[in-house]
Amino acid sequence: MATIQIRNVPEAVHRMYRTRAAAAGMSLQEYLLAEIGRQAALRTPAELVREVEERMRVEGPEGFARAPSADLVRADRESH
C-alpha cells in the first residue's frame, strides 16, 4: 500500500480534521483515508464531460431524459 505525506498543513485545518475524526470515533489517519477515498470516487468535471460526450456519441440525445428533473425526482420518490 502506498503512503502519502502532507507537509505544512495549517494548524486550523489540522485542528478541524482532528475534531471531525474524534467526532466520528476515528483516528485522524482513518478519517483522512476515508475522506481521500470519498474524493477519489467522485468524477472530476472533465471526466463527467467526457462521459456525457461518450454517451451522446453512443446513444444520441435519446439517451437523456427530456422530462423536467423535478418530475423525474418526484416519480423516483413515489416509486419507493
N, C-alpha and C. Protein backbone atom coordinates (compact mmCIF):
# COMPACT_ATOMS: atom_id res chain seq x y z
N MET A 1 0.85 -1.18 0.00
CA MET A 1 0.00 0.00 0.00
C MET A 1 0.89 1.24 0.00
N ALA A 2 0.48 2.26 -0.69
CA ALA A 2 1.26 3.49 -0.82
C ALA A 2 1.10 4.38 0.41
N THR A 3 2.03 5.31 0.55
CA THR A 3 2.00 6.27 1.65
C THR A 3 1.96 7.68 1.07
N ILE A 4 1.15 8.54 1.68
CA ILE A 4 1.09 9.95 1.29
C ILE A 4 1.43 10.77 2.53
N GLN A 5 2.29 11.73 2.38
CA GLN A 5 2.64 12.62 3.48
C GLN A 5 2.36 14.04 3.03
N ILE A 6 1.69 14.80 3.87
CA ILE A 6 1.38 16.19 3.54
C ILE A 6 2.06 17.09 4.57
N ARG A 7 2.87 17.99 4.10
CA ARG A 7 3.60 18.91 4.98
C ARG A 7 2.93 20.28 4.98
N ASN A 8 3.23 21.04 6.00
CA ASN A 8 2.80 22.44 6.10
C ASN A 8 1.29 22.61 6.11
N VAL A 9 0.59 21.69 6.78
CA VAL A 9 -0.86 21.81 6.92
C VAL A 9 -1.13 22.93 7.93
N PRO A 10 -1.93 23.91 7.57
CA PRO A 10 -2.24 24.99 8.52
C PRO A 10 -2.86 24.41 9.81
N GLU A 11 -2.50 24.98 10.94
CA GLU A 11 -2.97 24.47 12.23
C GLU A 11 -4.50 24.42 12.30
N ALA A 12 -5.16 25.43 11.76
CA ALA A 12 -6.63 25.45 11.81
C ALA A 12 -7.22 24.27 11.03
N VAL A 13 -6.64 23.93 9.91
CA VAL A 13 -7.11 22.80 9.10
C VAL A 13 -6.86 21.50 9.85
N HIS A 14 -5.68 21.37 10.43
CA HIS A 14 -5.33 20.17 11.21
C HIS A 14 -6.30 20.01 12.38
N ARG A 15 -6.56 21.07 13.09
CA ARG A 15 -7.48 21.03 14.24
C ARG A 15 -8.88 20.63 13.79
N MET A 16 -9.33 21.18 12.65
CA MET A 16 -10.67 20.86 12.15
C MET A 16 -10.79 19.36 11.86
N TYR A 17 -9.79 18.80 11.19
CA TYR A 17 -9.84 17.38 10.86
C TYR A 17 -9.68 16.50 12.09
N ARG A 18 -8.86 16.92 13.06
CA ARG A 18 -8.75 16.16 14.31
C ARG A 18 -10.09 16.12 15.02
N THR A 19 -10.79 17.26 15.05
CA THR A 19 -12.09 17.35 15.69
C THR A 19 -13.11 16.46 14.98
N ARG A 20 -13.14 16.51 13.65
CA ARG A 20 -14.07 15.68 12.89
C ARG A 20 -13.78 14.20 13.08
N ALA A 21 -12.50 13.84 13.09
CA ALA A 21 -12.12 12.44 13.29
C ALA A 21 -12.59 11.96 14.66
N ALA A 22 -12.36 12.76 15.68
CA ALA A 22 -12.77 12.39 17.04
C ALA A 22 -14.29 12.23 17.12
N ALA A 23 -15.02 13.14 16.48
CA ALA A 23 -16.48 13.07 16.49
C ALA A 23 -16.98 11.81 15.79
N ALA A 24 -16.22 11.34 14.81
CA ALA A 24 -16.60 10.12 14.08
C ALA A 24 -16.07 8.87 14.77
N GLY A 25 -15.34 9.04 15.88
CA GLY A 25 -14.77 7.91 16.59
C GLY A 25 -13.65 7.24 15.82
N MET A 26 -12.91 8.03 15.07
CA MET A 26 -11.84 7.52 14.22
C MET A 26 -10.54 8.22 14.56
N SER A 27 -9.44 7.57 14.21
CA SER A 27 -8.15 8.25 14.29
C SER A 27 -8.09 9.24 13.14
N LEU A 28 -7.18 10.19 13.25
CA LEU A 28 -7.01 11.16 12.17
C LEU A 28 -6.65 10.46 10.88
N GLN A 29 -5.77 9.46 10.97
CA GLN A 29 -5.37 8.72 9.77
C GLN A 29 -6.56 7.99 9.15
N GLU A 30 -7.38 7.33 9.96
CA GLU A 30 -8.55 6.63 9.43
C GLU A 30 -9.51 7.60 8.76
N TYR A 31 -9.73 8.73 9.43
CA TYR A 31 -10.67 9.72 8.90
C TYR A 31 -10.19 10.29 7.57
N LEU A 32 -8.90 10.66 7.52
CA LEU A 32 -8.37 11.24 6.28
C LEU A 32 -8.34 10.22 5.16
N LEU A 33 -8.05 8.97 5.47
CA LEU A 33 -8.07 7.93 4.44
C LEU A 33 -9.49 7.77 3.88
N ALA A 34 -10.49 7.80 4.75
CA ALA A 34 -11.88 7.71 4.29
C ALA A 34 -12.24 8.92 3.42
N GLU A 35 -11.79 10.12 3.83
CA GLU A 35 -12.05 11.33 3.05
C GLU A 35 -11.40 11.25 1.67
N ILE A 36 -10.16 10.80 1.63
CA ILE A 36 -9.46 10.66 0.35
C ILE A 36 -10.19 9.65 -0.54
N GLY A 37 -10.65 8.57 0.06
CA GLY A 37 -11.39 7.57 -0.72
C GLY A 37 -12.67 8.12 -1.29
N ARG A 38 -13.41 8.91 -0.48
CA ARG A 38 -14.65 9.52 -0.99
C ARG A 38 -14.35 10.49 -2.13
N GLN A 39 -13.32 11.29 -1.98
CA GLN A 39 -12.97 12.24 -3.03
C GLN A 39 -12.52 11.54 -4.30
N ALA A 40 -11.78 10.46 -4.14
CA ALA A 40 -11.29 9.73 -5.32
C ALA A 40 -12.44 9.11 -6.10
N ALA A 41 -13.53 8.79 -5.41
CA ALA A 41 -14.68 8.17 -6.07
C ALA A 41 -15.49 9.18 -6.89
N LEU A 42 -15.32 10.47 -6.61
CA LEU A 42 -16.06 11.49 -7.35
C LEU A 42 -15.42 11.73 -8.71
N ARG A 43 -16.25 12.00 -9.68
CA ARG A 43 -15.73 12.33 -11.02
C ARG A 43 -15.36 13.80 -11.07
N THR A 44 -14.30 14.09 -11.77
CA THR A 44 -13.93 15.48 -11.99
C THR A 44 -14.85 16.06 -13.06
N PRO A 45 -14.95 17.38 -13.16
CA PRO A 45 -15.77 17.95 -14.23
C PRO A 45 -15.33 17.45 -15.61
N ALA A 46 -14.04 17.33 -15.84
CA ALA A 46 -13.55 16.85 -17.14
C ALA A 46 -13.98 15.41 -17.40
N GLU A 47 -13.94 14.56 -16.36
CA GLU A 47 -14.38 13.17 -16.51
C GLU A 47 -15.87 13.12 -16.82
N LEU A 48 -16.64 13.95 -16.16
CA LEU A 48 -18.08 13.99 -16.40
C LEU A 48 -18.39 14.44 -17.82
N VAL A 49 -17.68 15.45 -18.30
CA VAL A 49 -17.88 15.93 -19.67
C VAL A 49 -17.57 14.80 -20.66
N ARG A 50 -16.44 14.11 -20.44
CA ARG A 50 -16.09 13.00 -21.35
C ARG A 50 -17.17 11.91 -21.32
N GLU A 51 -17.70 11.63 -20.13
CA GLU A 51 -18.74 10.61 -20.01
C GLU A 51 -20.00 11.02 -20.78
N VAL A 52 -20.40 12.27 -20.65
CA VAL A 52 -21.59 12.75 -21.36
C VAL A 52 -21.34 12.74 -22.87
N GLU A 53 -20.17 13.20 -23.28
CA GLU A 53 -19.86 13.20 -24.71
C GLU A 53 -19.88 11.78 -25.27
N GLU A 54 -19.32 10.84 -24.54
CA GLU A 54 -19.32 9.44 -24.99
C GLU A 54 -20.74 8.89 -25.05
N ARG A 55 -21.54 9.22 -24.04
CA ARG A 55 -22.93 8.75 -24.05
C ARG A 55 -23.70 9.35 -25.21
N MET A 56 -23.46 10.63 -25.50
CA MET A 56 -24.13 11.27 -26.64
C MET A 56 -23.69 10.61 -27.95
N ARG A 57 -22.40 10.26 -28.04
CA ARG A 57 -21.89 9.64 -29.25
C ARG A 57 -22.52 8.26 -29.44
N VAL A 58 -22.63 7.49 -28.38
CA VAL A 58 -23.15 6.12 -28.47
C VAL A 58 -24.67 6.09 -28.55
N GLU A 59 -25.35 6.84 -27.66
CA GLU A 59 -26.81 6.74 -27.56
C GLU A 59 -27.55 7.87 -28.25
N GLY A 60 -26.85 8.95 -28.56
CA GLY A 60 -27.51 10.11 -29.12
C GLY A 60 -28.34 10.80 -28.05
N PRO A 61 -29.05 11.82 -28.42
CA PRO A 61 -29.83 12.57 -27.42
C PRO A 61 -30.94 11.73 -26.79
N GLU A 62 -31.29 10.60 -27.42
CA GLU A 62 -32.34 9.75 -26.86
C GLU A 62 -31.91 9.12 -25.53
N GLY A 63 -30.61 9.11 -25.26
CA GLY A 63 -30.11 8.54 -24.01
C GLY A 63 -30.31 9.43 -22.80
N PHE A 64 -30.85 10.63 -23.02
CA PHE A 64 -31.05 11.57 -21.94
C PHE A 64 -32.55 11.86 -21.79
N ALA A 65 -32.96 12.03 -20.55
CA ALA A 65 -34.37 12.30 -20.26
C ALA A 65 -34.75 13.68 -20.77
N ARG A 66 -35.96 13.78 -21.28
CA ARG A 66 -36.44 15.08 -21.75
C ARG A 66 -37.43 15.70 -20.78
N ALA A 67 -37.82 14.94 -19.76
CA ALA A 67 -38.76 15.45 -18.76
C ALA A 67 -38.01 16.38 -17.79
N PRO A 68 -38.73 17.33 -17.21
CA PRO A 68 -38.08 18.19 -16.21
C PRO A 68 -37.54 17.35 -15.05
N SER A 69 -36.42 17.73 -14.51
CA SER A 69 -35.79 16.95 -13.44
C SER A 69 -36.70 16.82 -12.22
N ALA A 70 -37.51 17.84 -11.93
CA ALA A 70 -38.42 17.76 -10.79
C ALA A 70 -39.41 16.62 -10.98
N ASP A 71 -39.88 16.41 -12.20
CA ASP A 71 -40.80 15.30 -12.48
C ASP A 71 -40.11 13.95 -12.28
N LEU A 72 -38.86 13.86 -12.69
CA LEU A 72 -38.11 12.61 -12.53
C LEU A 72 -37.86 12.29 -11.06
N VAL A 73 -37.51 13.32 -10.28
CA VAL A 73 -37.28 13.13 -8.85
C VAL A 73 -38.57 12.72 -8.17
N ARG A 74 -39.66 13.37 -8.50
CA ARG A 74 -40.96 13.05 -7.91
C ARG A 74 -41.35 11.61 -8.23
N ALA A 75 -41.19 11.20 -9.47
CA ALA A 75 -41.52 9.82 -9.86
C ALA A 75 -40.65 8.83 -9.13
N ASP A 76 -39.38 9.14 -8.96
CA ASP A 76 -38.49 8.24 -8.24
C ASP A 76 -38.91 8.12 -6.78
N ARG A 77 -39.24 9.23 -6.15
CA ARG A 77 -39.67 9.19 -4.75
C ARG A 77 -40.96 8.40 -4.59
N GLU A 78 -41.89 8.56 -5.52
CA GLU A 78 -43.17 7.86 -5.43
C GLU A 78 -43.02 6.37 -5.69
N SER A 79 -41.96 5.97 -6.36
CA SER A 79 -41.77 4.54 -6.67
C SER A 79 -41.24 3.76 -5.47
N HIS A 80 -40.83 4.44 -4.42
CA HIS A 80 -40.27 3.75 -3.24
C HIS A 80 -41.26 3.67 -2.13
